[in-house]
Amino acid sequence: MEFVAIALGLAQAIGGIWGAGKQKKADKQSAELAYLDNLEKIRRREFEQEQTKGAAKALSETAGVLHAGGSTAQGVLDTMAREFKKELDWMEKFAKEARRIGIKVADVQAQTSTYKSVTGGIQTGISLYPT
């Protein structure tokens, strides 16, 4: 009976540790995929911004506005470009931070699962071990 208790405890611990490792890998892949998705959103947003800036400039030029230094139309376009840059910078910062946190969460969850597996295995072994 002692052997059975020890074997079951070890099997539970090893199975849990193996599962924690697989879950960690999946969680990290998920964080990486979310990061790539965010990068694609940034790329698309940047394309939309370029289209918007181009359309705004074209519309103002068809209205006869000269885009020389100091013109109101150029000021609006410059402001638009600055704000668009701020938006893209924020999106990139968010994407990197979300990726970093996702990977950190995967590490912590794997570590927690490993500890739970080991303590669960010990508890199983102790509970089945004859006294």
Protein backbone atom coordinates (compact mmCIF):
# COMPACT_ATOMS: atom_id res chain seq x y z
CA MET A 1 0.00 0.00 0.00
CA GLU A 2 2.93 2.33 0.69
CA PHE A 3 4.16 1.91 -2.86
CA VAL A 4 0.69 2.72 -4.24
CA ALA A 5 0.45 5.87 -2.13
CA ILE A 6 3.87 7.06 -3.22
CA ALA A 7 3.23 6.15 -6.87
CA LEU A 8 -0.11 7.98 -6.96
CA GLY A 9 1.40 11.02 -5.29
CA LEU A 10 4.31 11.09 -7.74
CA ALA A 11 2.02 10.54 -10.71
CA GLN A 12 -0.17 13.44 -9.63
CA ALA A 13 2.83 15.72 -9.14
CA ILE A 14 4.53 14.76 -12.41
CA GLY A 15 1.30 15.02 -14.39
CA GLY A 16 0.62 18.45 -12.94
CA ILE A 17 4.14 19.69 -13.63
CA TRP A 18 3.95 18.41 -17.22
CA GLY A 19 0.56 20.06 -17.67
CA ALA A 20 1.83 23.34 -16.20
CA GLY A 21 4.67 23.36 -18.72
CA LYS A 22 2.31 22.78 -21.64
CA GLN A 23 -0.06 25.47 -20.35
CA LYS A 24 2.83 27.92 -19.97
CA LYS A 25 3.84 27.34 -23.57
CA ALA A 26 0.26 27.83 -24.78
CA ASP A 27 -0.15 30.99 -22.69
CA LYS A 28 3.08 32.46 -24.07
CA GLN A 29 1.98 31.63 -27.62
CA SER A 30 -1.33 33.33 -26.91
CA ALA A 31 0.47 36.46 -25.64
CA GLU A 32 2.66 36.43 -28.75
CA LEU A 33 -0.37 36.06 -31.01
CA ALA A 34 -2.12 38.97 -29.27
CA TYR A 35 1.03 41.04 -29.79
CA LEU A 36 1.10 40.23 -33.50
CA ASP A 37 -2.58 41.12 -33.72
CA ASN A 38 -1.86 44.46 -32.07
CA LEU A 39 0.98 45.12 -34.52
CA GLU A 40 -1.40 44.46 -37.40
CA LYS A 41 -3.92 46.87 -35.90
CA ILE A 42 -1.18 49.48 -35.68
CA ARG A 43 -0.20 48.89 -39.31
CA ARG A 44 -3.80 49.25 -40.45
CA ARG A 45 -4.34 52.35 -38.33
CA GLU A 46 -1.20 53.92 -39.76
CA PHE A 47 -2.50 53.22 -43.29
CA GLU A 48 -5.86 54.82 -42.40
CA GLN A 49 -4.08 57.86 -40.99
CA GLU A 50 -2.01 58.30 -44.14
CA GLN A 51 -5.19 58.13 -46.21
CA THR A 52 -6.88 60.70 -43.97
CA LYS A 53 -3.92 63.07 -44.12
CA GLY A 54 -3.71 62.70 -47.91
CA ALA A 55 -7.43 63.36 -48.33
CA ALA A 56 -7.30 66.41 -46.06
CA LYS A 57 -4.37 67.85 -47.97
CA ALA A 58 -6.01 67.14 -51.34
CA LEU A 59 -9.26 68.78 -50.24
CA SER A 60 -7.51 71.88 -48.99
CA GLU A 61 -5.44 72.14 -52.17
CA THR A 62 -8.54 71.89 -54.35
CA ALA A 63 -9.92 74.77 -52.34
CA GLY A 64 -6.93 76.81 -53.46
CA VAL A 65 -4.97 76.75 -50.18
CA LEU A 66 -1.21 76.93 -50.52
CA HIS A 67 0.66 74.70 -48.09
CA ALA A 68 3.47 77.00 -47.26
CA GLY A 69 4.96 77.57 -43.85
CA GLY A 70 2.50 79.31 -41.58
CA SER A 71 -0.71 78.59 -43.51
CA THR A 72 -3.74 77.58 -41.46
CA ALA A 73 -4.29 74.51 -43.60
CA GLN A 74 -0.68 73.39 -43.09
CA GLY A 75 -1.07 73.98 -39.36
CA VAL A 76 -4.10 71.72 -39.30
CA LEU A 77 -2.27 69.03 -41.26
CA ASP A 78 0.75 69.29 -38.95
CA THR A 79 -1.48 69.01 -35.89
CA MET A 80 -3.24 66.02 -37.44
CA ALA A 81 0.12 64.35 -38.13
CA ARG A 82 1.31 64.95 -34.55
CA GLU A 83 -1.88 63.55 -33.05
CA PHE A 84 -1.79 60.54 -35.34
CA LYS A 85 1.83 59.89 -34.30
CA LYS A 86 0.86 60.10 -30.62
CA GLU A 87 -1.93 57.58 -31.23
CA LEU A 88 0.41 55.13 -33.00
CA ASP A 89 3.08 55.54 -30.32
CA TRP A 90 0.50 54.79 -27.62
CA MET A 91 -0.79 51.74 -29.50
CA GLU A 92 2.75 50.41 -29.86
CA LYS A 93 3.51 51.01 -26.18
CA PHE A 94 0.28 49.23 -25.24
CA ALA A 95 1.08 46.26 -27.51
CA LYS A 96 4.56 45.82 -26.01
CA GLU A 97 3.31 46.14 -22.44
CA ALA A 98 0.43 43.71 -23.03
CA ARG A 99 2.92 41.22 -24.47
CA ARG A 100 5.29 41.62 -21.53
CA ILE A 101 2.48 41.17 -19.00
CA GLY A 102 1.03 38.18 -20.89
CA ILE A 103 4.37 36.39 -20.79
CA LYS A 104 4.85 37.24 -17.12
CA VAL A 105 1.36 35.92 -16.30
CA ALA A 106 2.17 32.68 -18.15
CA ASP A 107 5.32 32.27 -16.05
CA VAL A 108 3.52 32.94 -12.76
CA GLN A 109 0.62 30.63 -13.60
CA ALA A 110 3.00 27.82 -14.56
CA GLN A 111 4.94 28.27 -11.35
CA THR A 112 1.74 28.25 -9.30
CA SER A 113 0.45 25.15 -11.09
CA THR A 114 3.76 23.39 -10.48
CA TYR A 115 3.64 24.16 -6.75
CA LYS A 116 0.02 23.02 -6.55
CA SER A 117 0.89 19.80 -8.36
CA VAL A 118 3.75 19.00 -6.01
CA THR A 119 1.78 19.80 -2.86
CA GLY A 120 -1.24 17.91 -4.22
CA GLY A 121 0.95 14.91 -4.94
CA ILE A 122 2.39 15.04 -1.44
CA GLN A 123 -1.09 15.32 0.08
CA THR A 124 -2.31 12.36 -1.98
CA GLY A 125 0.69 10.28 -0.91
CA ILE A 126 0.24 11.21 2.74
CA SER A 127 -3.51 10.60 2.73
CA LEU A 128 -3.06 7.11 1.24
CA TYR A 129 0.06 6.22 3.23
CA PRO A 130 -0.82 3.77 6.00
CA THR A 131 -0.19 5.06 9.50
